[in-house]
Amino acid sequence: MKKHTVGVSLRAAVGYVWTTCAAGTTYDLMGNVVGTKEYEDITYIPQADYDGSMTKPMMHDTSINVETSDYHRDKKRKIHDELVMWWYVCKGFHRGMRENFMDALDETY
């Protein structure tokens, strides 16, 4: 089951920078399946690089204030909206995989 889940996670494309290693290989959401230590051993991507993406972001960018220019406000909003979207993609991946496992296994497990 782990092998199948890793295969699915490698096709669950997200826009996080930490999904691509220094050699240019993209691992998508594999880190959510194999765990932090194994992911770091395989990809050489430190856990600290993706820890922040596991926390639900605020619905708005708290760094935007009255001093922020229109240009920077729009830029920050776009970046933050993308961050929120990718977080929900990860949550959807988790939910879908959980439901697939629940459907595939007996209630005992």
PDB file of N, CA and C in Angstrom:
ATOM      1  N   MET A   1       0.833  -1.195   0.000  1.00  0.00           N
ATOM      2  CA  MET A   1       0.000   0.000   0.000  1.00  0.00           C
ATOM      3  C   MET A   1       0.876   1.255   0.000  1.00  0.00           C
ATOM      4  N   LYS A   2       1.980   1.191   0.727  1.00  0.00           N
ATOM      5  CA  LYS A   2       2.864   2.358   0.776  1.00  0.00           C
ATOM      6  C   LYS A   2       3.424   2.650  -0.611  1.00  0.00           C
ATOM      7  N   LYS A   3       3.813   1.602  -1.340  1.00  0.00           N
ATOM      8  CA  LYS A   3       4.366   1.780  -2.685  1.00  0.00           C
ATOM      9  C   LYS A   3       3.332   2.436  -3.599  1.00  0.00           C
ATOM     10  N   HIS A   4       2.090   1.988  -3.523  1.00  0.00           N
ATOM     11  CA  HIS A   4       1.031   2.564  -4.349  1.00  0.00           C
ATOM     12  C   HIS A   4       0.788   4.029  -3.962  1.00  0.00           C
ATOM     13  N   THR A   5       0.756   4.300  -2.673  1.00  0.00           N
ATOM     14  CA  THR A   5       0.508   5.665  -2.196  1.00  0.00           C
ATOM     15  C   THR A   5       1.632   6.596  -2.617  1.00  0.00           C
ATOM     16  N   VAL A   6       2.871   6.124  -2.566  1.00  0.00           N
ATOM     17  CA  VAL A   6       3.999   6.938  -3.037  1.00  0.00           C
ATOM     18  C   VAL A   6       3.822   7.252  -4.514  1.00  0.00           C
ATOM     19  N   GLY A   7       3.403   6.265  -5.294  1.00  0.00           N
ATOM     20  CA  GLY A   7       3.176   6.496  -6.722  1.00  0.00           C
ATOM     21  C   GLY A   7       2.125   7.560  -6.974  1.00  0.00           C
ATOM     22  N   VAL A   8       1.055   7.514  -6.215  1.00  0.00           N
ATOM     23  CA  VAL A   8      -0.003   8.522  -6.345  1.00  0.00           C
ATOM     24  C   VAL A   8       0.523   9.890  -5.903  1.00  0.00           C
ATOM     25  N   SER A   9       1.282   9.912  -4.824  1.00  0.00           N
ATOM     26  CA  SER A   9       1.795  11.187  -4.307  1.00  0.00           C
ATOM     27  C   SER A   9       2.764  11.845  -5.274  1.00  0.00           C
ATOM     28  N   LEU A  10       3.461  11.056  -6.065  1.00  0.00           N
ATOM     29  CA  LEU A  10       4.404  11.618  -7.044  1.00  0.00           C
ATOM     30  C   LEU A  10       3.683  12.287  -8.209  1.00  0.00           C
ATOM     31  N   ARG A  11       2.403  12.006  -8.346  1.00  0.00           N
ATOM     32  CA  ARG A  11       1.610  12.646  -9.411  1.00  0.00           C
ATOM     33  C   ARG A  11       0.703  13.743  -8.863  1.00  0.00           C
ATOM     34  N   ALA A  12       0.750  13.980  -7.551  1.00  0.00           N
ATOM     35  CA  ALA A  12      -0.071  15.018  -6.920  1.00  0.00           C
ATOM     36  C   ALA A  12       0.702  16.332  -6.953  1.00  0.00           C
ATOM     37  N   ALA A  13       0.675  16.996  -8.082  1.00  0.00           N
ATOM     38  CA  ALA A  13       1.503  18.174  -8.306  1.00  0.00           C
ATOM     39  C   ALA A  13       1.064  19.364  -7.456  1.00  0.00           C
ATOM     40  N   VAL A  14       2.031  19.957  -6.793  1.00  0.00           N
ATOM     41  CA  VAL A  14       1.821  21.176  -6.026  1.00  0.00           C
ATOM     42  C   VAL A  14       2.926  22.163  -6.387  1.00  0.00           C
ATOM     43  N   GLY A  15       2.746  23.412  -6.021  1.00  0.00           N
ATOM     44  CA  GLY A  15       3.708  24.438  -6.392  1.00  0.00           C
ATOM     45  C   GLY A  15       4.713  24.793  -5.320  1.00  0.00           C
ATOM     46  N   TYR A  16       4.883  23.922  -4.322  1.00  0.00           N
ATOM     47  CA  TYR A  16       5.861  24.208  -3.280  1.00  0.00           C
ATOM     48  C   TYR A  16       7.281  24.064  -3.828  1.00  0.00           C
ATOM     49  N   VAL A  17       8.148  24.959  -3.427  1.00  0.00           N
ATOM     50  CA  VAL A  17       9.543  24.914  -3.857  1.00  0.00           C
ATOM     51  C   VAL A  17      10.230  23.663  -3.334  1.00  0.00           C
ATOM     52  N   TRP A  18       9.872  23.226  -2.124  1.00  0.00           N
ATOM     53  CA  TRP A  18      10.546  22.095  -1.503  1.00  0.00           C
ATOM     54  C   TRP A  18      10.266  20.754  -2.175  1.00  0.00           C
ATOM     55  N   THR A  19       9.390  20.696  -3.165  1.00  0.00           N
ATOM     56  CA  THR A  19       9.111  19.421  -3.824  1.00  0.00           C
ATOM     57  C   THR A  19      10.157  19.079  -4.880  1.00  0.00           C
ATOM     58  N   THR A  20      11.037  20.025  -5.197  1.00  0.00           N
ATOM     59  CA  THR A  20      12.070  19.796  -6.202  1.00  0.00           C
ATOM     60  C   THR A  20      13.437  19.816  -5.532  1.00  0.00           C
ATOM     61  N   CYS A  21      14.234  18.775  -5.775  1.00  0.00           N
ATOM     62  CA  CYS A  21      15.553  18.692  -5.154  1.00  0.00           C
ATOM     63  C   CYS A  21      16.557  19.512  -5.969  1.00  0.00           C
ATOM     64  N   ALA A  22      17.782  19.598  -5.480  1.00  0.00           N
ATOM     65  CA  ALA A  22      18.833  20.387  -6.130  1.00  0.00           C
ATOM     66  C   ALA A  22      19.139  19.875  -7.539  1.00  0.00           C
ATOM     67  N   ALA A  23      18.955  18.578  -7.775  1.00  0.00           N
ATOM     68  CA  ALA A  23      19.221  18.001  -9.096  1.00  0.00           C
ATOM     69  C   ALA A  23      18.088  18.262 -10.084  1.00  0.00           C
ATOM     70  N   GLY A  24      16.970  18.836  -9.602  1.00  0.00           N
ATOM     71  CA  GLY A  24      15.852  19.163 -10.481  1.00  0.00           C
ATOM     72  C   GLY A  24      14.747  18.128 -10.527  1.00  0.00           C
ATOM     73  N   THR A  25      14.862  17.050  -9.768  1.00  0.00           N
ATOM     74  CA  THR A  25      13.826  16.019  -9.723  1.00  0.00           C
ATOM     75  C   THR A  25      12.678  16.498  -8.840  1.00  0.00           C
ATOM     76  N   THR A  26      11.453  16.337  -9.312  1.00  0.00           N
ATOM     77  CA  THR A  26      10.283  16.767  -8.556  1.00  0.00           C
ATOM     78  C   THR A  26       9.660  15.567  -7.849  1.00  0.00           C
ATOM     79  N   TYR A  27       9.404  15.733  -6.543  1.00  0.00           N
ATOM     80  CA  TYR A  27       8.861  14.658  -5.722  1.00  0.00           C
ATOM     81  C   TYR A  27       7.426  14.916  -5.275  1.00  0.00           C
ATOM     82  N   ASP A  28       6.846  16.033  -5.643  1.00  0.00           N
ATOM     83  CA  ASP A  28       5.467  16.388  -5.315  1.00  0.00           C
ATOM     84  C   ASP A  28       5.149  16.095  -3.854  1.00  0.00           C
ATOM     85  N   LEU A  29       4.121  15.323  -3.542  1.00  0.00           N
ATOM     86  CA  LEU A  29       3.696  15.135  -2.153  1.00  0.00           C
ATOM     87  C   LEU A  29       4.226  13.853  -1.508  1.00  0.00           C
ATOM     88  N   MET A  30       5.319  13.318  -2.029  1.00  0.00           N
ATOM     89  CA  MET A  30       5.882  12.101  -1.466  1.00  0.00           C
ATOM     90  C   MET A  30       6.265  12.280   0.005  1.00  0.00           C
ATOM     91  N   GLY A  31       6.675  13.470   0.381  1.00  0.00           N
ATOM     92  CA  GLY A  31       7.045  13.727   1.773  1.00  0.00           C
ATOM     93  C   GLY A  31       5.903  13.512   2.739  1.00  0.00           C
ATOM     94  N   ASN A  32       4.678  13.661   2.254  1.00  0.00           N
ATOM     95  CA  ASN A  32       3.505  13.439   3.101  1.00  0.00           C
ATOM     96  C   ASN A  32       3.206  11.959   3.296  1.00  0.00           C
ATOM     97  N   VAL A  33       3.839  11.101   2.523  1.00  0.00           N
ATOM     98  CA  VAL A  33       3.583   9.668   2.609  1.00  0.00           C
ATOM     99  C   VAL A  33       4.695   8.947   3.355  1.00  0.00           C
ATOM    100  N   VAL A  34       5.943   9.212   2.993  1.00  0.00           N
ATOM    101  CA  VAL A  34       7.063   8.435   3.548  1.00  0.00           C
ATOM    102  C   VAL A  34       7.554   8.954   4.893  1.00  0.00           C
ATOM    103  N   GLY A  35       7.212  10.173   5.243  1.00  0.00           N
ATOM    104  CA  GLY A  35       7.676  10.737   6.505  1.00  0.00           C
ATOM    105  C   GLY A  35       8.906  11.600   6.316  1.00  0.00           C
ATOM    106  N   THR A  36       9.175  12.420   7.300  1.00  0.00           N
ATOM    107  CA  THR A  36      10.211  13.441   7.162  1.00  0.00           C
ATOM    108  C   THR A  36      11.617  12.871   7.023  1.00  0.00           C
ATOM    109  N   LYS A  37      11.986  11.897   7.829  1.00  0.00           N
ATOM    110  CA  LYS A  37      13.351  11.358   7.796  1.00  0.00           C
ATOM    111  C   LYS A  37      13.620  10.634   6.485  1.00  0.00           C
ATOM    112  N   GLU A  38      12.699   9.770   6.079  1.00  0.00           N
ATOM    113  CA  GLU A  38      12.887   9.022   4.832  1.00  0.00           C
ATOM    114  C   GLU A  38      12.885   9.966   3.628  1.00  0.00           C
ATOM    115  N   TYR A  39      12.018  10.978   3.658  1.00  0.00           N
ATOM    116  CA  TYR A  39      11.969  11.957   2.565  1.00  0.00           C
ATOM    117  C   TYR A  39      13.302  12.687   2.445  1.00  0.00           C
ATOM    118  N   GLU A  40      13.863  13.077   3.575  1.00  0.00           N
ATOM    119  CA  GLU A  40      15.156  13.776   3.565  1.00  0.00           C
ATOM    120  C   GLU A  40      16.264  12.852   3.058  1.00  0.00           C
ATOM    121  N   ASP A  41      16.237  11.572   3.432  1.00  0.00           N
ATOM    122  CA  ASP A  41      17.242  10.615   2.972  1.00  0.00           C
ATOM    123  C   ASP A  41      17.177  10.400   1.460  1.00  0.00           C
ATOM    124  N   ILE A  42      15.976  10.394   0.908  1.00  0.00           N
ATOM    125  CA  ILE A  42      15.790  10.161  -0.532  1.00  0.00           C
ATOM    126  C   ILE A  42      16.107  11.405  -1.353  1.00  0.00           C
ATOM    127  N   THR A  43      15.626  12.561  -0.902  1.00  0.00           N
ATOM    128  CA  THR A  43      15.692  13.776  -1.716  1.00  0.00           C
ATOM    129  C   THR A  43      16.813  14.734  -1.342  1.00  0.00           C
ATOM    130  N   TYR A  44      17.369  14.577  -0.167  1.00  0.00           N
ATOM    131  CA  TYR A  44      18.362  15.515   0.392  1.00  0.00           C
ATOM    132  C   TYR A  44      17.755  16.901   0.614  1.00  0.00           C
ATOM    133  N   ILE A  45      16.438  16.955   0.749  1.00  0.00           N
ATOM    134  CA  ILE A  45      15.740  18.206   1.061  1.00  0.00           C
ATOM    135  C   ILE A  45      15.521  18.218   2.568  1.00  0.00           C
ATOM    136  N   PRO A  46      16.093  19.200   3.278  1.00  0.00           N
ATOM    137  CA  PRO A  46      15.963  19.225   4.744  1.00  0.00           C
ATOM    138  C   PRO A  46      14.514  19.397   5.197  1.00  0.00           C
ATOM    139  N   GLN A  47      14.200  18.769   6.313  1.00  0.00           N
ATOM    140  CA  GLN A  47      12.849  18.833   6.868  1.00  0.00           C
ATOM    141  C   GLN A  47      12.418  20.276   7.106  1.00  0.00           C
ATOM    142  N   ALA A  48      13.336  21.114   7.495  1.00  0.00           N
ATOM    143  CA  ALA A  48      13.013  22.515   7.780  1.00  0.00           C
ATOM    144  C   ALA A  48      12.451  23.226   6.552  1.00  0.00           C
ATOM    145  N   ASP A  49      12.797  22.773   5.353  1.00  0.00           N
ATOM    146  CA  ASP A  49      12.313  23.410   4.129  1.00  0.00           C
ATOM    147  C   ASP A  49      10.819  23.215   3.915  1.00  0.00           C
ATOM    148  N   TYR A  50      10.274  22.125   4.418  1.00  0.00           N
ATOM    149  CA  TYR A  50       8.852  21.894   4.164  1.00  0.00           C
ATOM    150  C   TYR A  50       7.989  21.867   5.420  1.00  0.00           C
ATOM    151  N   ASP A  51       8.573  22.009   6.571  1.00  0.00           N
ATOM    152  CA  ASP A  51       7.792  22.028   7.810  1.00  0.00           C
ATOM    153  C   ASP A  51       6.740  23.129   7.817  1.00  0.00           C
ATOM    154  N   GLY A  52       7.093  24.312   7.326  1.00  0.00           N
ATOM    155  CA  GLY A  52       6.167  25.442   7.331  1.00  0.00           C
ATOM    156  C   GLY A  52       4.928  25.209   6.496  1.00  0.00           C
ATOM    157  N   SER A  53       5.042  24.409   5.439  1.00  0.00           N
ATOM    158  CA  SER A  53       3.904  24.174   4.560  1.00  0.00           C
ATOM    159  C   SER A  53       2.896  23.212   5.181  1.00  0.00           C
ATOM    160  N   MET A  54       3.244  22.579   6.290  1.00  0.00           N
ATOM    161  CA  MET A  54       2.324  21.661   6.942  1.00  0.00           C
ATOM    162  C   MET A  54       1.348  22.388   7.868  1.00  0.00           C
ATOM    163  N   THR A  55       1.610  23.652   8.119  1.00  0.00           N
ATOM    164  CA  THR A  55       0.762  24.462   8.982  1.00  0.00           C
ATOM    165  C   THR A  55      -0.229  25.239   8.118  1.00  0.00           C
ATOM    166  N   LYS A  56      -1.487  25.235   8.510  1.00  0.00           N
ATOM    167  CA  LYS A  56      -2.505  25.948   7.739  1.00  0.00           C
ATOM    168  C   LYS A  56      -2.193  27.447   7.729  1.00  0.00           C
ATOM    169  N   PRO A  57      -2.101  28.032   6.532  1.00  0.00           N
ATOM    170  CA  PRO A  57      -1.825  29.472   6.460  1.00  0.00           C
ATOM    171  C   PRO A  57      -3.063  30.298   6.805  1.00  0.00           C
ATOM    172  N   MET A  58      -2.823  31.520   7.230  1.00  0.00           N
ATOM    173  CA  MET A  58      -3.922  32.458   7.470  1.00  0.00           C
ATOM    174  C   MET A  58      -4.644  32.679   6.138  1.00  0.00           C
ATOM    175  N   MET A  59      -5.888  33.085   6.196  1.00  0.00           N
ATOM    176  CA  MET A  59      -6.645  33.304   4.963  1.00  0.00           C
ATOM    177  C   MET A  59      -6.240  34.601   4.254  1.00  0.00           C
ATOM    178  N   HIS A  60      -5.478  35.435   4.942  1.00  0.00           N
ATOM    179  CA  HIS A  60      -4.964  36.654   4.312  1.00  0.00           C
ATOM    180  C   HIS A  60      -3.525  36.867   4.764  1.00  0.00           C
ATOM    181  N   ASP A  61      -2.770  37.604   3.987  1.00  0.00           N
ATOM    182  CA  ASP A  61      -1.370  37.879   4.301  1.00  0.00           C
ATOM    183  C   ASP A  61      -1.301  38.954   5.380  1.00  0.00           C
ATOM    184  N   THR A  62      -0.792  38.581   6.529  1.00  0.00           N
ATOM    185  CA  THR A  62      -0.749  39.512   7.653  1.00  0.00           C
ATOM    186  C   THR A  62       0.334  40.580   7.501  1.00  0.00           C
ATOM    187  N   SER A  63       1.211  40.432   6.503  1.00  0.00           N
ATOM    188  CA  SER A  63       2.251  41.443   6.299  1.00  0.00           C
ATOM    189  C   SER A  63       1.747  42.650   5.498  1.00  0.00           C
ATOM    190  N   ILE A  64       0.542  42.554   4.954  1.00  0.00           N
ATOM    191  CA  ILE A  64      -0.041  43.673   4.205  1.00  0.00           C
ATOM    192  C   ILE A  64      -0.632  44.664   5.203  1.00  0.00           C
ATOM    193  N   ASN A  65      -0.254  45.910   5.058  1.00  0.00           N
ATOM    194  CA  ASN A  65      -0.789  46.968   5.930  1.00  0.00           C
ATOM    195  C   ASN A  65      -1.037  48.228   5.099  1.00  0.00           C
ATOM    196  N   VAL A  66      -1.388  49.328   5.748  1.00  0.00           N
ATOM    197  CA  VAL A  66      -1.711  50.564   5.027  1.00  0.00           C
ATOM    198  C   VAL A  66      -0.503  51.140   4.311  1.00  0.00           C
ATOM    199  N   GLU A  67       0.688  50.779   4.735  1.00  0.00           N
ATOM    200  CA  GLU A  67       1.920  51.268   4.108  1.00  0.00           C
ATOM    201  C   GLU A  67       2.276  50.509   2.826  1.00  0.00           C
ATOM    202  N   THR A  68       1.660  49.365   2.601  1.00  0.00           N
ATOM    203  CA  THR A  68       1.983  48.535   1.450  1.00  0.00           C
ATOM    204  C   THR A  68       1.453  49.169   0.168  1.00  0.00           C
ATOM    205  N   SER A  69       2.325  49.307  -0.821  1.00  0.00           N
ATOM    206  CA  SER A  69       1.907  49.898  -2.101  1.00  0.00           C
ATOM    207  C   SER A  69       0.956  48.953  -2.821  1.00  0.00           C
ATOM    208  N   ASP A  70       0.190  49.496  -3.754  1.00  0.00           N
ATOM    209  CA  ASP A  70      -0.769  48.676  -4.504  1.00  0.00           C
ATOM    210  C   ASP A  70      -0.073  47.528  -5.225  1.00  0.00           C
ATOM    211  N   TYR A  71       1.077  47.825  -5.815  1.00  0.00           N
ATOM    212  CA  TYR A  71       1.823  46.797  -6.550  1.00  0.00           C
ATOM    213  C   TYR A  71       2.218  45.655  -5.610  1.00  0.00           C
ATOM    214  N   HIS A  72       2.837  46.009  -4.482  1.00  0.00           N
ATOM    215  CA  HIS A  72       3.272  44.985  -3.538  1.00  0.00           C
ATOM    216  C   HIS A  72       2.084  44.265  -2.884  1.00  0.00           C
ATOM    217  N   ARG A  73       0.997  44.979  -2.658  1.00  0.00           N
ATOM    218  CA  ARG A  73      -0.203  44.366  -2.098  1.00  0.00           C
ATOM    219  C   ARG A  73      -0.729  43.274  -3.038  1.00  0.00           C
ATOM    220  N   ASP A  74      -0.834  43.613  -4.337  1.00  0.00           N
ATOM    221  CA  ASP A  74      -1.317  42.631  -5.315  1.00  0.00           C
ATOM    222  C   ASP A  74      -0.366  41.442  -5.418  1.00  0.00           C
ATOM    223  N   LYS A  75       0.928  41.721  -5.412  1.00  0.00           N
ATOM    224  CA  LYS A  75       1.924  40.659  -5.506  1.00  0.00           C
ATOM    225  C   LYS A  75       1.847  39.734  -4.284  1.00  0.00           C
ATOM    226  N   LYS A  76       1.771  40.315  -3.093  1.00  0.00           N
ATOM    227  CA  LYS A  76       1.688  39.525  -1.866  1.00  0.00           C
ATOM    228  C   LYS A  76       0.397  38.716  -1.813  1.00  0.00           C
ATOM    229  N   ARG A  77      -0.702  39.313  -2.254  1.00  0.00           N
ATOM    230  CA  ARG A  77      -1.977  38.588  -2.259  1.00  0.00           C
ATOM    231  C   ARG A  77      -1.917  37.375  -3.181  1.00  0.00           C
ATOM    232  N   LYS A  78      -1.335  37.574  -4.355  1.00  0.00           N
ATOM    233  CA  LYS A  78      -1.248  36.474  -5.314  1.00  0.00           C
ATOM    234  C   LYS A  78      -0.402  35.335  -4.750  1.00  0.00           C
ATOM    235  N   ILE A  79       0.727  35.659  -4.172  1.00  0.00           N
ATOM    236  CA  ILE A  79       1.603  34.643  -3.586  1.00  0.00           C
ATOM    237  C   ILE A  79       0.901  33.933  -2.436  1.00  0.00           C
ATOM    238  N   HIS A  80       0.232  34.698  -1.599  1.00  0.00           N
ATOM    239  CA  HIS A  80      -0.451  34.103  -0.446  1.00  0.00           C
ATOM    240  C   HIS A  80      -1.652  33.252  -0.868  1.00  0.00           C
ATOM    241  N   ASP A  81      -2.402  33.719  -1.850  1.00  0.00           N
ATOM    242  CA  ASP A  81      -3.540  32.935  -2.349  1.00  0.00           C
ATOM    243  C   ASP A  81      -3.077  31.586  -2.901  1.00  0.00           C
ATOM    244  N   GLU A  82      -1.924  31.592  -3.562  1.00  0.00           N
ATOM    245  CA  GLU A  82      -1.371  30.354  -4.087  1.00  0.00           C
ATOM    246  C   GLU A  82      -0.971  29.418  -2.946  1.00  0.00           C
ATOM    247  N   LEU A  83      -0.377  29.978  -1.905  1.00  0.00           N
ATOM    248  CA  LEU A  83       0.014  29.207  -0.726  1.00  0.00           C
ATOM    249  C   LEU A  83      -1.208  28.541  -0.090  1.00  0.00           C
ATOM    250  N   VAL A  84      -2.283  29.287   0.044  1.00  0.00           N
ATOM    251  CA  VAL A  84      -3.526  28.738   0.611  1.00  0.00           C
ATOM    252  C   VAL A  84      -4.069  27.628  -0.288  1.00  0.00           C
ATOM    253  N   MET A  85      -4.051  27.852  -1.595  1.00  0.00           N
ATOM    254  CA  MET A  85      -4.545  26.860  -2.534  1.00  0.00           C
ATOM    255  C   MET A  85      -3.749  25.559  -2.428  1.00  0.00           C
ATOM    256  N   TRP A  86      -2.403  25.656  -2.381  1.00  0.00           N
ATOM    257  CA  TRP A  86      -1.586  24.441  -2.297  1.00  0.00           C
ATOM    258  C   TRP A  86      -1.820  23.711  -0.976  1.00  0.00           C
ATOM    259  N   TRP A  87      -2.065  24.455   0.094  1.00  0.00           N
ATOM    260  CA  TRP A  87      -2.335  23.814   1.379  1.00  0.00           C
ATOM    261  C   TRP A  87      -3.621  22.986   1.284  1.00  0.00           C
ATOM    262  N   TYR A  88      -4.633  23.548   0.629  1.00  0.00           N
ATOM    263  CA  TYR A  88      -5.893  22.803   0.469  1.00  0.00           C
ATOM    264  C   TYR A  88      -5.738  21.626  -0.491  1.00  0.00           C
ATOM    265  N   VAL A  89      -4.871  21.726  -1.479  1.00  0.00           N
ATOM    266  CA  VAL A  89      -4.587  20.586  -2.349  1.00  0.00           C
ATOM    267  C   VAL A  89      -3.994  19.450  -1.517  1.00  0.00           C
ATOM    268  N   CYS A  90      -3.066  19.779  -0.619  1.00  0.00           N
ATOM    269  CA  CYS A  90      -2.475  18.767   0.273  1.00  0.00           C
ATOM    270  C   CYS A  90      -3.543  18.136   1.149  1.00  0.00           C
ATOM    271  N   LYS A  91      -4.424  18.944   1.704  1.00  0.00           N
ATOM    272  CA  LYS A  91      -5.494  18.411   2.552  1.00  0.00           C
ATOM    273  C   LYS A  91      -6.411  17.500   1.746  1.00  0.00           C
ATOM    274  N   GLY A  92      -6.707  17.859   0.518  1.00  0.00           N
ATOM    275  CA  GLY A  92      -7.536  17.024  -0.347  1.00  0.00           C
ATOM    276  C   GLY A  92      -6.856  15.696  -0.658  1.00  0.00           C
ATOM    277  N   PHE A  93      -5.551  15.746  -0.882  1.00  0.00           N
ATOM    278  CA  PHE A  93      -4.781  14.518  -1.118  1.00  0.00           C
ATOM    279  C   PHE A  93      -4.882  13.601   0.100  1.00  0.00           C
ATOM    280  N   HIS A  94      -4.676  14.169   1.289  1.00  0.00           N
ATOM    281  CA  HIS A  94      -4.754  13.373   2.523  1.00  0.00           C
ATOM    282  C   HIS A  94      -6.139  12.747   2.684  1.00  0.00           C
ATOM    283  N   ARG A  95      -7.157  13.547   2.453  1.00  0.00           N
ATOM    284  CA  ARG A  95      -8.522  13.043   2.625  1.00  0.00           C
ATOM    285  C   ARG A  95      -8.840  11.949   1.611  1.00  0.00           C
ATOM    286  N   GLY A  96      -8.467  12.172   0.366  1.00  0.00           N
ATOM    287  CA  GLY A  96      -8.723  11.177  -0.675  1.00  0.00           C
ATOM    288  C   GLY A  96      -8.017   9.863  -0.400  1.00  0.00           C
ATOM    289  N   MET A  97      -6.753   9.925   0.020  1.00  0.00           N
ATOM    290  CA  MET A  97      -6.018   8.702   0.316  1.00  0.00           C
ATOM    291  C   MET A  97      -6.611   7.999   1.534  1.00  0.00           C
ATOM    292  N   ARG A  98      -6.997   8.767   2.554  1.00  0.00           N
ATOM    293  CA  ARG A  98      -7.607   8.169   3.744  1.00  0.00           C
ATOM    294  C   ARG A  98      -8.894   7.431   3.361  1.00  0.00           C
ATOM    295  N   GLU A  99      -9.732   8.073   2.548  1.00  0.00           N
ATOM    296  CA  GLU A  99     -10.990   7.443   2.147  1.00  0.00           C
ATOM    297  C   GLU A  99     -10.741   6.205   1.295  1.00  0.00           C
ATOM    298  N   ASN A 100      -9.727   6.251   0.426  1.00  0.00           N
ATOM    299  CA  ASN A 100      -9.392   5.075  -0.385  1.00  0.00           C
ATOM    300  C   ASN A 100      -8.958   3.907   0.500  1.00  0.00           C
ATOM    301  N   PHE A 101      -8.134   4.194   1.508  1.00  0.00           N
ATOM    302  CA  PHE A 101      -7.690   3.129   2.413  1.00  0.00           C
ATOM    303  C   PHE A 101      -8.859   2.580   3.217  1.00  0.00           C
ATOM    304  N   MET A 102      -9.732   3.453   3.666  1.00  0.00           N
ATOM    305  CA  MET A 102     -10.883   3.002   4.450  1.00  0.00           C
ATOM    306  C   MET A 102     -11.791   2.116   3.607  1.00  0.00           C
ATOM    307  N   ASP A 103     -11.951   2.448   2.332  1.00  0.00           N
ATOM    308  CA  ASP A 103     -12.772   1.627   1.443  1.00  0.00           C
ATOM    309  C   ASP A 103     -12.108   0.288   1.135  1.00  0.00           C
ATOM    310  N   ALA A 104     -10.782   0.263   1.076  1.00  0.00           N
ATOM    311  CA  ALA A 104     -10.064  -0.932   0.675  1.00  0.00           C
ATOM    312  C   ALA A 104      -9.854  -1.931   1.807  1.00  0.00           C
ATOM    313  N   LEU A 105      -9.859  -1.462   3.042  1.00  0.00           N
ATOM    314  CA  LEU A 105      -9.553  -2.334   4.172  1.00  0.00           C
ATOM    315  C   LEU A 105     -10.806  -2.714   4.954  1.00  0.00           C
ATOM    316  N   ASP A 106     -10.724  -3.846   5.644  1.00  0.00           N
ATOM    317  CA  ASP A 106     -11.807  -4.241   6.547  1.00  0.00           C
ATOM    318  C   ASP A 106     -11.872  -3.261   7.703  1.00  0.00           C
ATOM    319  N   GLU A 107     -13.015  -3.182   8.343  1.00  0.00           N
ATOM    320  CA  GLU A 107     -13.205  -2.281   9.484  1.00  0.00           C
ATOM    321  C   GLU A 107     -12.231  -2.589  10.611  1.00  0.00           C
ATOM    322  N   THR A 108     -11.789  -3.821  10.720  1.00  0.00           N
ATOM    323  CA  THR A 108     -10.867  -4.225  11.782  1.00  0.00           C
ATOM    324  C   THR A 108      -9.588  -3.395  11.738  1.00  0.00           C
ATOM    325  N   TYR A 109      -9.148  -3.021  10.535  1.00  0.00           N
ATOM    326  CA  TYR A 109      -7.887  -2.306  10.377  1.00  0.00           C
ATOM    327  C   TYR A 109      -8.101  -0.822  10.307  1.00  0.00           C
TER     328      TYR A 109
END
